């Protein structure tokens, strides 16, 4: 692999890590502000996103929770 290609791959990986970190911060901020009663339109203005995106961030659950969640079906014993 050529040096410019390796450098490009390294920079893309670093950018992906920074983007993931920024998303975690934005999500945590949106959740905290929503928990404190701040309207989603204001959260969107603070974060520089639409109010719809602010609502998604404030109401999102973490990937780990989504992956571990599974519906439980409760059945009643036969009479």
PDB file of N, CA and C in Angstrom:
ATOM      1  N   UNK A   1       0.849  -1.165   0.000  1.00  0.00           N
ATOM      2  CA  UNK A   1       0.000   0.000   0.000  1.00  0.00           C
ATOM      3  C   UNK A   1       0.903   1.239   0.000  1.00  0.00           C
ATOM      4  N   UNK A   2       0.560   2.211  -0.812  1.00  0.00           N
ATOM      5  CA  UNK A   2       1.378   3.415  -0.918  1.00  0.00           C
ATOM      6  C   UNK A   2       1.221   4.297   0.319  1.00  0.00           C
ATOM      7  N   UNK A   3       2.205   5.142   0.548  1.00  0.00           N
ATOM      8  CA  UNK A   3       2.186   6.044   1.716  1.00  0.00           C
ATOM      9  C   UNK A   3       0.969   6.969   1.697  1.00  0.00           C
ATOM     10  N   UNK A   4       0.612   7.621   0.572  1.00  0.00           N
ATOM     11  CA  UNK A   4      -0.577   8.489   0.562  1.00  0.00           C
ATOM     12  C   UNK A   4      -1.863   7.731   0.887  1.00  0.00           C
ATOM     13  N   UNK A   5      -1.958   6.491   0.409  1.00  0.00           N
ATOM     14  CA  UNK A   5      -3.152   5.693   0.680  1.00  0.00           C
ATOM     15  C   UNK A   5      -3.239   5.318   2.157  1.00  0.00           C
ATOM     16  N   UNK A   6      -2.103   4.945   2.749  1.00  0.00           N
ATOM     17  CA  UNK A   6      -2.083   4.633   4.188  1.00  0.00           C
ATOM     18  C   UNK A   6      -2.476   5.852   5.013  1.00  0.00           C
ATOM     19  N   UNK A   7      -1.957   7.015   4.609  1.00  0.00           N
ATOM     20  CA  UNK A   7      -2.274   8.257   5.327  1.00  0.00           C
ATOM     21  C   UNK A   7      -3.764   8.575   5.219  1.00  0.00           C
ATOM     22  N   UNK A   8      -4.324   8.363   4.047  1.00  0.00           N
ATOM     23  CA  UNK A   8      -5.755   8.611   3.858  1.00  0.00           C
ATOM     24  C   UNK A   8      -6.585   7.681   4.737  1.00  0.00           C
ATOM     25  N   UNK A   9      -6.219   6.421   4.780  1.00  0.00           N
ATOM     26  CA  UNK A   9      -6.928   5.454   5.622  1.00  0.00           C
ATOM     27  C   UNK A   9      -6.828   5.838   7.097  1.00  0.00           C
ATOM     28  N   UNK A  10      -5.646   6.266   7.519  1.00  0.00           N
ATOM     29  CA  UNK A  10      -5.453   6.666   8.908  1.00  0.00           C
ATOM     30  C   UNK A  10      -6.323   7.876   9.251  1.00  0.00           C
ATOM     31  N   UNK A  11      -6.364   8.850   8.335  1.00  0.00           N
ATOM     32  CA  UNK A  11      -7.173  10.053   8.579  1.00  0.00           C
ATOM     33  C   UNK A  11      -8.666   9.739   8.601  1.00  0.00           C
ATOM     34  N   UNK A  12      -9.097   8.834   7.750  1.00  0.00           N
ATOM     35  CA  UNK A  12     -10.515   8.446   7.754  1.00  0.00           C
ATOM     36  C   UNK A  12     -10.891   7.751   9.064  1.00  0.00           C
ATOM     37  N   UNK A  13     -10.014   6.895   9.549  1.00  0.00           N
ATOM     38  CA  UNK A  13     -10.273   6.204  10.813  1.00  0.00           C
ATOM     39  C   UNK A  13     -10.334   7.205  11.966  1.00  0.00           C
ATOM     40  N   UNK A  14      -9.421   8.160  11.960  1.00  0.00           N
ATOM     41  CA  UNK A  14      -9.417   9.182  13.013  1.00  0.00           C
ATOM     42  C   UNK A  14     -10.688  10.027  12.942  1.00  0.00           C
ATOM     43  N   UNK A  15     -11.113  10.378  11.733  1.00  0.00           N
ATOM     44  CA  UNK A  15     -12.338  11.164  11.567  1.00  0.00           C
ATOM     45  C   UNK A  15     -13.564  10.396  12.054  1.00  0.00           C
ATOM     46  N   UNK A  16     -13.608   9.101  11.792  1.00  0.00           N
ATOM     47  CA  UNK A  16     -14.733   8.272  12.241  1.00  0.00           C
ATOM     48  C   UNK A  16     -14.785   8.212  13.764  1.00  0.00           C
ATOM     49  N   UNK A  17     -13.617   8.115  14.402  1.00  0.00           N
ATOM     50  CA  UNK A  17     -13.578   8.114  15.873  1.00  0.00           C
ATOM     51  C   UNK A  17     -14.055   9.441  16.424  1.00  0.00           C
ATOM     52  N   UNK A  18     -13.624  10.536  15.821  1.00  0.00           N
ATOM     53  CA  UNK A  18     -14.039  11.859  16.288  1.00  0.00           C
ATOM     54  C   UNK A  18     -15.536  12.064  16.087  1.00  0.00           C
ATOM     55  N   UNK A  19     -16.067  11.574  14.978  1.00  0.00           N
ATOM     56  CA  UNK A  19     -17.504  11.695  14.716  1.00  0.00           C
ATOM     57  C   UNK A  19     -18.310  10.899  15.747  1.00  0.00           C
ATOM     58  N   UNK A  20     -17.863   9.700  16.071  1.00  0.00           N
ATOM     59  CA  UNK A  20     -18.553   8.888  17.073  1.00  0.00           C
ATOM     60  C   UNK A  20     -18.522   9.570  18.439  1.00  0.00           C
ATOM     61  N   UNK A  21     -17.386  10.150  18.772  1.00  0.00           N
ATOM     62  CA  UNK A  21     -17.261  10.855  20.054  1.00  0.00           C
ATOM     63  C   UNK A  21     -18.193  12.068  20.083  1.00  0.00           C
ATOM     64  N   UNK A  22     -18.245  12.816  18.995  1.00  0.00           N
ATOM     65  CA  UNK A  22     -19.128  13.983  18.916  1.00  0.00           C
ATOM     66  C   UNK A  22     -20.592  13.575  19.047  1.00  0.00           C
ATOM     67  N   UNK A  23     -20.955  12.436  18.459  1.00  0.00           N
ATOM     68  CA  UNK A  23     -22.335  11.959  18.548  1.00  0.00           C
ATOM     69  C   UNK A  23     -22.693  11.583  19.979  1.00  0.00           C
ATOM     70  N   UNK A  24     -21.756  10.967  20.693  1.00  0.00           N
ATOM     71  CA  UNK A  24     -22.005  10.621  22.096  1.00  0.00           C
ATOM     72  C   UNK A  24     -22.228  11.879  22.927  1.00  0.00           C
ATOM     73  N   UNK A  25     -21.421  12.897  22.678  1.00  0.00           N
ATOM     74  CA  UNK A  25     -21.559  14.149  23.427  1.00  0.00           C
ATOM     75  C   UNK A  25     -22.892  14.824  23.101  1.00  0.00           C
ATOM     76  N   UNK A  26     -23.253  14.879  21.820  1.00  0.00           N
ATOM     77  CA  UNK A  26     -24.513  15.502  21.417  1.00  0.00           C
ATOM     78  C   UNK A  26     -25.703  14.769  22.016  1.00  0.00           C
ATOM     79  N   UNK A  27     -25.652  13.439  22.010  1.00  0.00           N
ATOM     80  CA  UNK A  27     -26.749  12.645  22.571  1.00  0.00           C
ATOM     81  C   UNK A  27     -26.872  12.866  24.070  1.00  0.00           C
ATOM     82  N   UNK A  28     -25.752  12.843  24.767  1.00  0.00           N
ATOM     83  CA  UNK A  28     -25.777  13.058  26.217  1.00  0.00           C
ATOM     84  C   UNK A  28     -26.289  14.454  26.550  1.00  0.00           C
ATOM     85  N   UNK A  29     -25.868  15.432  25.770  1.00  0.00           N
ATOM     86  CA  UNK A  29     -26.320  16.810  25.998  1.00  0.00           C
ATOM     87  C   UNK A  29     -27.815  16.928  25.754  1.00  0.00           C
ATOM     88  N   UNK A  30     -28.298  16.354  24.663  1.00  0.00           N
ATOM     89  CA  UNK A  30     -29.726  16.409  24.351  1.00  0.00           C
ATOM     90  C   UNK A  30     -30.550  15.729  25.435  1.00  0.00           C
ATOM     91  N   UNK A  31     -30.094  14.587  25.909  1.00  0.00           N
ATOM     92  CA  UNK A  31     -30.820  13.877  26.978  1.00  0.00           C
ATOM     93  C   UNK A  31     -30.862  14.694  28.262  1.00  0.00           C
ATOM     94  N   UNK A  32     -29.731  15.281  28.626  1.00  0.00           N
ATOM     95  CA  UNK A  32     -29.659  16.074  29.865  1.00  0.00           C
ATOM     96  C   UNK A  32     -30.577  17.286  29.775  1.00  0.00           C
ATOM     97  N   UNK A  33     -30.507  17.995  28.649  1.00  0.00           N
ATOM     98  CA  UNK A  33     -31.358  19.171  28.488  1.00  0.00           C
ATOM     99  C   UNK A  33     -32.837  18.797  28.491  1.00  0.00           C
ATOM    100  N   UNK A  34     -33.182  17.692  27.819  1.00  0.00           N
ATOM    101  CA  UNK A  34     -34.582  17.248  27.801  1.00  0.00           C
ATOM    102  C   UNK A  34     -35.040  16.852  29.202  1.00  0.00           C
ATOM    103  N   UNK A  35     -34.179  16.184  29.941  1.00  0.00           N
ATOM    104  CA  UNK A  35     -34.521  15.793  31.319  1.00  0.00           C
ATOM    105  C   UNK A  35     -34.722  17.017  32.199  1.00  0.00           C
ATOM    106  N   UNK A  36     -34.032  18.097  31.882  1.00  0.00           N
ATOM    107  CA  UNK A  36     -34.177  19.341  32.638  1.00  0.00           C
ATOM    108  C   UNK A  36     -35.361  20.182  32.169  1.00  0.00           C
ATOM    109  N   UNK A  37     -36.119  19.666  31.191  1.00  0.00           N
ATOM    110  CA  UNK A  37     -37.328  20.337  30.730  1.00  0.00           C
ATOM    111  C   UNK A  37     -37.125  21.344  29.620  1.00  0.00           C
ATOM    112  N   UNK A  38     -35.987  21.347  28.986  1.00  0.00           N
ATOM    113  CA  UNK A  38     -35.729  22.272  27.884  1.00  0.00           C
ATOM    114  C   UNK A  38     -36.477  21.774  26.641  1.00  0.00           C
ATOM    115  N   UNK A  39     -37.235  22.647  25.975  1.00  0.00           N
ATOM    116  CA  UNK A  39     -37.967  22.227  24.776  1.00  0.00           C
ATOM    117  C   UNK A  39     -37.013  21.754  23.669  1.00  0.00           C
ATOM    118  N   UNK A  40     -37.473  20.783  22.860  1.00  0.00           N
ATOM    119  CA  UNK A  40     -36.603  20.231  21.819  1.00  0.00           C
ATOM    120  C   UNK A  40     -36.209  21.276  20.781  1.00  0.00           C
ATOM    121  N   UNK A  41     -37.029  22.257  20.543  1.00  0.00           N
ATOM    122  CA  UNK A  41     -36.648  23.327  19.608  1.00  0.00           C
ATOM    123  C   UNK A  41     -35.434  24.087  20.137  1.00  0.00           C
ATOM    124  N   UNK A  42     -35.405  24.319  21.433  1.00  0.00           N
ATOM    125  CA  UNK A  42     -34.254  24.994  22.026  1.00  0.00           C
ATOM    126  C   UNK A  42     -33.022  24.085  22.035  1.00  0.00           C
ATOM    127  N   UNK A  43     -33.236  22.800  22.289  1.00  0.00           N
ATOM    128  CA  UNK A  43     -32.122  21.845  22.253  1.00  0.00           C
ATOM    129  C   UNK A  43     -31.526  21.819  20.842  1.00  0.00           C
ATOM    130  N   UNK A  44     -32.376  21.809  19.842  1.00  0.00           N
ATOM    131  CA  UNK A  44     -31.905  21.836  18.463  1.00  0.00           C
ATOM    132  C   UNK A  44     -31.099  23.078  18.159  1.00  0.00           C
ATOM    133  N   UNK A  45     -31.566  24.220  18.675  1.00  0.00           N
ATOM    134  CA  UNK A  45     -30.837  25.472  18.446  1.00  0.00           C
ATOM    135  C   UNK A  45     -29.462  25.433  19.105  1.00  0.00           C
ATOM    136  N   UNK A  46     -29.391  24.892  20.312  1.00  0.00           N
ATOM    137  CA  UNK A  46     -28.117  24.803  21.031  1.00  0.00           C
ATOM    138  C   UNK A  46     -27.148  23.877  20.306  1.00  0.00           C
ATOM    139  N   UNK A  47     -27.654  22.744  19.824  1.00  0.00           N
ATOM    140  CA  UNK A  47     -26.798  21.754  19.175  1.00  0.00           C
ATOM    141  C   UNK A  47     -26.568  22.028  17.691  1.00  0.00           C
ATOM    142  N   UNK A  48     -27.331  22.963  17.127  1.00  0.00           N
ATOM    143  CA  UNK A  48     -27.177  23.264  15.710  1.00  0.00           C
ATOM    144  C   UNK A  48     -27.797  22.220  14.800  1.00  0.00           C
ATOM    145  N   UNK A  49     -28.892  21.606  15.274  1.00  0.00           N
ATOM    146  CA  UNK A  49     -29.608  20.601  14.493  1.00  0.00           C
ATOM    147  C   UNK A  49     -31.086  20.967  14.466  1.00  0.00           C
ATOM    148  N   UNK A  50     -31.859  20.295  13.631  1.00  0.00           N
ATOM    149  CA  UNK A  50     -33.297  20.544  13.600  1.00  0.00           C
ATOM    150  C   UNK A  50     -33.936  20.035  14.894  1.00  0.00           C
ATOM    151  N   UNK A  51     -35.124  20.535  15.176  1.00  0.00           N
ATOM    152  CA  UNK A  51     -35.787  20.066  16.391  1.00  0.00           C
ATOM    153  C   UNK A  51     -36.142  18.584  16.280  1.00  0.00           C
ATOM    154  N   UNK A  52     -36.363  18.112  15.039  1.00  0.00           N
ATOM    155  CA  UNK A  52     -36.646  16.691  14.864  1.00  0.00           C
ATOM    156  C   UNK A  52     -35.425  15.848  15.244  1.00  0.00           C
ATOM    157  N   UNK A  53     -34.240  16.288  14.812  1.00  0.00           N
ATOM    158  CA  UNK A  53     -33.009  15.567  15.144  1.00  0.00           C
ATOM    159  C   UNK A  53     -32.746  15.653  16.638  1.00  0.00           C
ATOM    160  N   UNK A  54     -33.014  16.820  17.238  1.00  0.00           N
ATOM    161  CA  UNK A  54     -32.841  16.974  18.683  1.00  0.00           C
ATOM    162  C   UNK A  54     -33.743  15.997  19.429  1.00  0.00           C
ATOM    163  N   UNK A  55     -34.958  15.818  18.941  1.00  0.00           N
ATOM    164  CA  UNK A  55     -35.878  14.872  19.563  1.00  0.00           C
ATOM    165  C   UNK A  55     -35.349  13.444  19.433  1.00  0.00           C
ATOM    166  N   UNK A  56     -34.810  13.102  18.259  1.00  0.00           N
ATOM    167  CA  UNK A  56     -34.237  11.770  18.079  1.00  0.00           C
ATOM    168  C   UNK A  56     -33.090  11.539  19.055  1.00  0.00           C
ATOM    169  N   UNK A  57     -32.220  12.521  19.192  1.00  0.00           N
ATOM    170  CA  UNK A  57     -31.081  12.385  20.095  1.00  0.00           C
ATOM    171  C   UNK A  57     -31.542  12.251  21.542  1.00  0.00           C
ATOM    172  N   UNK A  58     -32.499  13.075  21.944  1.00  0.00           N
ATOM    173  CA  UNK A  58     -32.970  13.067  23.327  1.00  0.00           C
ATOM    174  C   UNK A  58     -33.683  11.767  23.675  1.00  0.00           C
ATOM    175  N   UNK A  59     -34.313  11.154  22.690  1.00  0.00           N
ATOM    176  CA  UNK A  59     -35.095   9.943  22.953  1.00  0.00           C
ATOM    177  C   UNK A  59     -34.407   8.659  22.531  1.00  0.00           C
ATOM    178  N   UNK A  60     -33.176   8.762  22.051  1.00  0.00           N
ATOM    179  CA  UNK A  60     -32.482   7.556  21.595  1.00  0.00           C
ATOM    180  C   UNK A  60     -31.951   6.766  22.781  1.00  0.00           C
ATOM    181  N   UNK A  61     -31.870   5.468  22.578  1.00  0.00           N
ATOM    182  CA  UNK A  61     -31.236   4.641  23.594  1.00  0.00           C
ATOM    183  C   UNK A  61     -29.912   4.160  23.030  1.00  0.00           C
ATOM    184  N   UNK A  62     -29.030   3.769  23.886  1.00  0.00           N
ATOM    185  CA  UNK A  62     -27.705   3.369  23.421  1.00  0.00           C
ATOM    186  C   UNK A  62     -27.784   2.074  22.628  1.00  0.00           C
ATOM    187  N   UNK A  63     -26.810   1.856  21.772  1.00  0.00           N
ATOM    188  CA  UNK A  63     -26.759   0.650  20.950  1.00  0.00           C
ATOM    189  C   UNK A  63     -26.703  -0.591  21.827  1.00  0.00           C
ATOM    190  N   UNK A  64     -25.962  -0.524  22.932  1.00  0.00           N
ATOM    191  CA  UNK A  64     -25.836  -1.680  23.813  1.00  0.00           C
ATOM    192  C   UNK A  64     -27.194  -2.065  24.391  1.00  0.00           C
ATOM    193  N   UNK A  65     -27.989  -1.061  24.740  1.00  0.00           N
ATOM    194  CA  UNK A  65     -29.312  -1.343  25.285  1.00  0.00           C
ATOM    195  C   UNK A  65     -30.197  -1.932  24.196  1.00  0.00           C
ATOM    196  N   UNK A  66     -30.167  -1.344  22.989  1.00  0.00           N
ATOM    197  CA  UNK A  66     -30.973  -1.856  21.892  1.00  0.00           C
ATOM    198  C   UNK A  66     -30.619  -3.294  21.560  1.00  0.00           C
ATOM    199  N   UNK A  67     -29.337  -3.618  21.565  1.00  0.00           N
ATOM    200  CA  UNK A  67     -28.915  -4.971  21.210  1.00  0.00           C
ATOM    201  C   UNK A  67     -29.296  -5.982  22.280  1.00  0.00           C
ATOM    202  N   UNK A  68     -29.300  -5.549  23.540  1.00  0.00           N
ATOM    203  CA  UNK A  68     -29.589  -6.496  24.608  1.00  0.00           C
ATOM    204  C   UNK A  68     -31.091  -6.636  24.863  1.00  0.00           C
ATOM    205  N   UNK A  69     -31.878  -5.702  24.357  1.00  0.00           N
ATOM    206  CA  UNK A  69     -33.303  -5.740  24.596  1.00  0.00           C
ATOM    207  C   UNK A  69     -33.959  -6.796  23.723  1.00  0.00           C
ATOM    208  N   UNK A  70     -34.834  -7.539  24.314  1.00  0.00           N
ATOM    209  CA  UNK A  70     -35.651  -8.463  23.547  1.00  0.00           C
ATOM    210  C   UNK A  70     -36.997  -8.560  24.234  1.00  0.00           C
ATOM    211  N   UNK A  71     -38.056  -8.586  23.448  1.00  0.00           N
ATOM    212  CA  UNK A  71     -39.374  -8.659  24.072  1.00  0.00           C
ATOM    213  C   UNK A  71     -39.563  -9.990  24.790  1.00  0.00           C
ATOM    214  N   UNK A  72     -40.215  -9.906  25.900  1.00  0.00           N
ATOM    215  CA  UNK A  72     -40.515 -11.116  26.660  1.00  0.00           C
ATOM    216  C   UNK A  72     -42.018 -11.390  26.553  1.00  0.00           C
ATOM    217  N   UNK A  73     -42.323 -12.565  26.142  1.00  0.00           N
ATOM    218  CA  UNK A  73     -43.732 -12.936  26.017  1.00  0.00           C
ATOM    219  C   UNK A  73     -44.097 -13.754  27.253  1.00  0.00           C
ATOM    220  N   UNK A  74     -45.054 -13.244  27.976  1.00  0.00           N
ATOM    221  CA  UNK A  74     -45.498 -13.941  29.187  1.00  0.00           C
ATOM    222  C   UNK A  74     -46.757 -14.735  28.845  1.00  0.00           C
ATOM    223  N   UNK A  75     -46.750 -15.966  29.202  1.00  0.00           N
ATOM    224  CA  UNK A  75     -47.931 -16.799  28.972  1.00  0.00           C
ATOM    225  C   UNK A  75     -48.477 -17.267  30.312  1.00  0.00           C
ATOM    226  N   UNK A  76     -49.742 -17.387  30.330  1.00  0.00           N
ATOM    227  CA  UNK A  76     -50.396 -17.870  31.540  1.00  0.00           C
ATOM    228  C   UNK A  76     -50.385 -19.395  31.524  1.00  0.00           C
ATOM    229  N   UNK A  77     -50.254 -20.007  32.684  1.00  0.00           N
ATOM    230  CA  UNK A  77     -50.299 -21.458  32.721  1.00  0.00           C
ATOM    231  C   UNK A  77     -51.677 -21.963  32.300  1.00  0.00           C
ATOM    232  N   UNK A  78     -51.701 -23.138  31.706  1.00  0.00           N
ATOM    233  CA  UNK A  78     -52.972 -23.729  31.286  1.00  0.00           C
ATOM    234  C   UNK A  78     -53.821 -24.041  32.518  1.00  0.00           C
ATOM    235  N   UNK A  79     -55.136 -23.843  32.421  1.00  0.00           N
ATOM    236  CA  UNK A  79     -56.012 -24.122  33.585  1.00  0.00           C
ATOM    237  C   UNK A  79     -56.113 -25.597  33.899  1.00  0.00           C
TER     238      UNK A  79
END
